[in-house]
Each structure stands twice: as C-alpha cells, then as structure tokens.
C-alpha cells in the first residue's frame, strides 16, 4: 500500500495562521481582550472569516505562551494577570537589563547612544499609543542596542507580555503620572552616554524595580489574581 505523506501547509495557510495569532496576541496584550474573556473557535473563525483550523492553531500557541487557558468542552479564556507572575517577570527583566546596559556601555557607538536622546522627554501628542508606546519603544531600543540576539529577543518578549500588567495598572491609576518614569529614563541615558557601567546597571535595576512596585501596587488593588 502506498503511503501518502501529509500535505504541507501552503504559504497562504501559514499567513492565515500568523495573522490570527498576531491579532489575538495584540488584542490580549493591549487588554482589548481583557483577562477572563471567554472565546470560542467558531466565533473567532467568524470574526476572521476563515475556518476553525488556523484559529485553533493560534489559540494553542497563545496557550503555550500563558496568554490563554483551555476550558474542556467550553472553549478558551484569556488568562488572568497573576501578581506573582508579574513580579517574577520584573525580577527577570531587571537581570536582563543590567546585562544589556553593560554591553551598551562597552560596545555601542556614540551615534547609537545619542539616539537615546529621543526618550529624554515624553510628549503625548507625538506617541500614538501614549505613554505605554513611548515606554515600550525606550526599553525595546535598550534591548536592541545590547547587540545580543538571544537576550534581545527574550527581553522584547518580556516587555510585550508585561504590557498587559502595565495597561491594567495605568487604567487602575487613571493613567498615572509618567514624569517619574521619564526622569528615570533620562538618568539612565546620562549614565550610558557617560559610559559608566556600574551607574548604568544600578539605575537600570532601580528603574525596573520602581516600575514593578508601581505596577504591583496598582494590580493588587484591581481585579487580577494573586
């Protein structure tokens, strides 16, 4: 009997799966799909005007990332934001950013360091997405300037995943006051441009720890799980 190998996914199918995955992930990270929201494959397939297969694949990927919980015979639910998980992510992020700023001090060009001056001030009219977009762009830039592909990818992934907690905390604090965070960014930029490794590492860690306290205090007062 002739054995027929399984059909390989077409380019179109791969694009469909990636589109569904990226859109759902973006909606969850931005809290457009809030923690606790229930979802069904059929409803999502109708939303994206496609079959259930790419939707199911996207949900399975999101479940592996911890953004989705599978409910037997019921569908799926957007995972809650766990305070303990957020604190773990801030702890890991502090370690990664310390390592990252050391590499920046030692290896970044003067031109690269000068590019950070964009983040010394925050103007809400300039940043589509407000303070969250500004803050994400700053920390992504730090990750990129570290010039370590594995560390960059892990740090950017953490930044993305933590955006849910930041979004929830800002909503809980009526958007908060970004002045202190912008001031901390400026101080870190000073240390990097002065090529002071110890000061840059200390300020990077302090900044992440301070952000962690602001976010965790807000989350503790909100509806998310402990």
Protein backbone atom coordinates (compact mmCIF):
# COMPACT_ATOMS: atom_id res chain seq x y z
CA UNK A 1 0.00 0.00 0.00
CA UNK A 2 1.35 3.38 -0.99
CA UNK A 3 1.88 5.75 1.92
CA UNK A 4 0.91 9.30 1.11
CA UNK A 5 2.82 11.91 3.16
CA UNK A 6 0.73 14.58 4.88
CA UNK A 7 0.21 17.72 2.86
CA UNK A 8 2.49 20.58 3.76
CA UNK A 9 0.78 23.79 4.79
CA UNK A 10 0.62 26.26 1.94
CA UNK A 11 2.07 29.74 2.17
CA UNK A 12 -1.48 31.09 2.31
CA UNK A 13 -2.35 28.82 5.25
CA UNK A 14 0.77 29.85 7.13
CA UNK A 15 -0.09 33.50 6.58
CA UNK A 16 -3.63 32.94 7.84
CA UNK A 17 -2.37 31.27 10.99
CA UNK A 18 0.17 34.01 11.61
CA UNK A 19 -2.40 36.75 11.05
CA UNK A 20 -4.86 35.24 13.54
CA UNK A 21 -2.12 34.63 16.08
CA UNK A 22 -0.66 38.14 15.85
CA UNK A 23 -4.06 39.86 16.03
CA UNK A 24 -5.28 37.84 19.01
CA UNK A 25 -1.96 38.28 20.80
CA UNK A 26 -2.04 42.04 20.23
CA UNK A 27 -5.64 42.22 21.50
CA UNK A 28 -4.72 40.30 24.65
CA UNK A 29 -1.57 42.28 25.38
CA UNK A 30 -3.40 45.60 24.92
CA UNK A 31 -6.31 44.26 27.01
CA UNK A 32 -8.73 44.82 24.13
CA UNK A 33 -9.48 41.21 25.02
CA UNK A 34 -9.48 41.63 28.80
CA UNK A 35 -8.27 38.94 31.21
CA UNK A 36 -11.08 36.48 31.81
CA UNK A 37 -12.72 36.99 28.42
CA UNK A 38 -14.14 33.71 27.09
CA UNK A 39 -13.64 32.77 23.45
CA UNK A 40 -14.93 30.05 21.15
CA UNK A 41 -13.32 28.79 17.98
CA UNK A 42 -16.49 29.22 15.95
CA UNK A 43 -16.94 32.84 17.00
CA UNK A 44 -13.32 33.69 16.25
CA UNK A 45 -13.48 31.89 12.91
CA UNK A 46 -16.50 34.03 12.02
CA UNK A 47 -14.68 37.18 13.12
CA UNK A 48 -11.68 36.42 10.91
CA UNK A 49 -13.83 34.93 8.14
CA UNK A 50 -11.89 31.68 7.96
CA UNK A 51 -12.07 28.06 9.05
CA UNK A 52 -11.51 26.90 12.63
CA UNK A 53 -8.12 25.31 11.88
CA UNK A 54 -5.93 28.47 11.84
CA UNK A 55 -7.89 29.81 14.83
CA UNK A 56 -7.23 26.60 16.77
CA UNK A 57 -3.51 26.73 15.92
CA UNK A 58 -3.28 30.35 17.07
CA UNK A 59 -5.05 29.59 20.36
CA UNK A 60 -2.71 26.66 21.02
CA UNK A 61 0.33 28.91 20.50
CA UNK A 62 -1.15 31.51 22.84
CA UNK A 63 -1.86 28.81 25.41
CA UNK A 64 1.83 27.78 25.33
CA UNK A 65 2.75 31.42 25.99
CA UNK A 66 0.46 31.55 29.01
CA UNK A 67 -1.95 34.07 27.48
CA UNK A 68 -4.83 31.63 27.01
CA UNK A 69 -6.42 28.92 29.16
CA UNK A 70 -8.18 25.97 27.53
CA UNK A 71 -11.57 25.13 29.00
CA UNK A 72 -12.58 21.50 28.27
CA UNK A 73 -15.78 21.38 26.20
CA UNK A 74 -16.27 25.12 26.72
CA UNK A 75 -13.66 26.91 24.62
CA UNK A 76 -10.90 29.22 25.80
CA UNK A 77 -10.39 32.08 28.22
CA UNK A 78 -7.89 34.92 28.22
CA UNK A 79 -5.57 34.11 31.13
CA UNK A 80 -5.77 36.34 34.21
CA UNK A 81 -2.81 38.53 35.12
CA UNK A 82 -1.15 36.89 38.08
CA UNK A 83 0.59 39.22 40.52
CA UNK A 84 3.20 36.59 41.38
CA UNK A 85 3.91 36.01 37.68
CA UNK A 86 4.27 39.75 37.06
CA UNK A 87 6.75 40.04 39.94
CA UNK A 88 8.74 37.11 38.52
CA UNK A 89 8.86 38.83 35.12
CA UNK A 90 10.06 42.10 36.63
CA UNK A 91 12.79 40.20 38.51
CA UNK A 92 13.97 38.53 35.30
CA UNK A 93 13.73 41.77 33.37
CA UNK A 94 15.91 43.59 35.91
CA UNK A 95 18.64 40.96 35.46
CA UNK A 96 18.42 41.12 31.66
CA UNK A 97 18.51 44.92 31.53
CA UNK A 98 21.56 45.02 33.83
CA UNK A 99 23.38 42.72 31.42
CA UNK A 100 22.10 44.67 28.44
CA UNK A 101 23.28 48.10 29.61
CA UNK A 102 26.75 46.69 30.33
CA UNK A 103 27.03 45.61 26.69
CA UNK A 104 25.74 49.00 25.54
CA UNK A 105 28.38 50.87 27.54
CA UNK A 106 31.15 48.64 26.19
CA UNK A 107 30.05 48.25 22.58
CA UNK A 108 27.52 50.86 21.42
CA UNK A 109 28.71 53.66 19.17
CA UNK A 110 28.42 57.30 20.18
CA UNK A 111 25.79 57.68 17.47
CA UNK A 112 23.75 54.85 18.97
CA UNK A 113 23.96 56.43 22.40
CA UNK A 114 22.91 59.82 21.01
CA UNK A 115 19.81 58.18 19.52
CA UNK A 116 18.51 57.67 23.07
CA UNK A 117 18.02 61.43 23.47
CA UNK A 118 14.63 60.97 21.80
CA UNK A 119 13.43 59.42 25.05
CA UNK A 120 14.50 62.21 27.42
CA UNK A 121 11.05 63.78 27.15
CA UNK A 122 7.55 62.43 26.70
CA UNK A 123 5.04 64.29 24.55
CA UNK A 124 1.69 62.51 24.36
CA UNK A 125 0.90 64.20 21.03
CA UNK A 126 3.97 62.58 19.44
CA UNK A 127 3.39 59.00 20.56
CA UNK A 128 0.45 57.17 19.03
CA UNK A 129 -0.48 54.93 21.93
CA UNK A 130 0.56 57.39 24.63
CA UNK A 131 2.96 56.66 27.46
CA UNK A 132 2.78 52.88 27.00
CA UNK A 133 4.00 53.20 23.41
CA UNK A 134 6.79 55.60 24.48
CA UNK A 135 7.89 53.34 27.35
CA UNK A 136 7.81 50.21 25.19
CA UNK A 137 9.88 51.92 22.48
CA UNK A 138 12.52 53.04 25.00
CA UNK A 139 13.01 49.59 26.51
CA UNK A 140 12.96 47.93 23.08
CA UNK A 141 15.70 50.33 22.00
CA UNK A 142 17.78 49.36 25.04
CA UNK A 143 17.29 45.69 24.16
CA UNK A 144 18.35 46.27 20.55
CA UNK A 145 21.43 48.33 21.43
CA UNK A 146 22.63 45.48 23.67
CA UNK A 147 23.51 43.65 20.43
CA UNK A 148 22.89 40.17 21.81
CA UNK A 149 20.24 38.43 19.71
CA UNK A 150 19.09 35.93 22.33
CA UNK A 151 18.97 38.49 25.11
CA UNK A 152 17.23 41.00 22.84
CA UNK A 153 14.52 38.53 21.85
CA UNK A 154 13.89 37.40 25.43
CA UNK A 155 13.78 40.97 26.72
CA UNK A 156 11.43 42.18 23.97
CA UNK A 157 9.16 39.20 24.60
CA UNK A 158 9.07 40.06 28.30
CA UNK A 159 8.29 43.71 27.51
CA UNK A 160 5.37 42.61 25.33
CA UNK A 161 3.97 40.15 27.88
CA UNK A 162 4.27 42.67 30.70
CA UNK A 163 2.30 45.26 28.73
CA UNK A 164 -0.93 43.63 29.92
CA UNK A 165 0.01 44.34 33.52
CA UNK A 166 1.15 47.88 32.69
CA UNK A 167 -2.09 48.55 30.82
CA UNK A 168 -4.20 47.30 33.71
CA UNK A 169 -2.19 49.26 36.26
CA UNK A 170 -2.46 52.51 34.29
CA UNK A 171 -6.19 52.05 33.90
CA UNK A 172 -6.46 51.44 37.63
CA UNK A 173 -4.45 54.58 38.38
CA UNK A 174 -6.36 56.79 35.90
CA UNK A 175 -3.33 56.75 33.57
CA UNK A 176 -0.91 57.79 36.30
CA UNK A 177 1.82 60.41 36.08
CA UNK A 178 4.63 59.47 33.67
CA UNK A 179 7.00 62.16 34.96
CA UNK A 180 8.93 59.91 37.36
CA UNK A 181 9.45 57.17 34.75
CA UNK A 182 10.63 59.69 32.12
CA UNK A 183 13.05 61.18 34.65
CA UNK A 184 14.43 57.70 35.38
CA UNK A 185 14.90 57.12 31.64
CA UNK A 186 16.82 60.38 31.36
CA UNK A 187 19.10 59.44 34.25
CA UNK A 188 19.86 56.07 32.66
CA UNK A 189 20.61 57.76 29.34
CA UNK A 190 23.08 60.07 31.15
CA UNK A 191 24.88 57.06 32.64
CA UNK A 192 25.03 55.22 29.31
CA UNK A 193 26.35 58.24 27.45
CA UNK A 194 28.96 58.73 30.18
CA UNK A 195 29.86 55.03 29.68
CA UNK A 196 29.58 54.35 33.39
CA UNK A 197 28.82 50.63 33.69
CA UNK A 198 28.14 50.48 37.43
CA UNK A 199 25.91 53.57 37.45
CA UNK A 200 24.02 52.41 34.37
CA UNK A 201 23.44 48.97 35.85
CA UNK A 202 22.31 50.43 39.18
CA UNK A 203 19.90 52.87 37.52
CA UNK A 204 18.55 50.22 35.12
CA UNK A 205 17.81 47.88 38.01
CA UNK A 206 16.31 50.65 40.15
CA UNK A 207 14.09 51.72 37.27
CA UNK A 208 12.72 48.21 36.71
CA UNK A 209 12.21 47.69 40.46
CA UNK A 210 10.39 51.03 40.77
CA UNK A 211 8.19 50.16 37.81
CA UNK A 212 7.50 46.79 39.38
CA UNK A 213 6.35 48.41 42.60
CA UNK A 214 4.08 50.85 40.76
CA UNK A 215 2.52 48.10 38.70
CA UNK A 216 2.19 45.54 41.50
CA UNK A 217 0.62 48.10 43.88
CA UNK A 218 -1.94 49.01 41.23
CA UNK A 219 -2.61 45.38 40.34
CA UNK A 220 -3.08 44.46 44.00
CA UNK A 221 -5.96 46.95 44.07
CA UNK A 222 -7.50 45.69 40.86
CA UNK A 223 -9.41 42.60 39.79
CA UNK A 224 -6.48 40.37 38.83
CA UNK A 225 -5.47 37.23 40.68
CA UNK A 226 -2.74 36.96 43.31
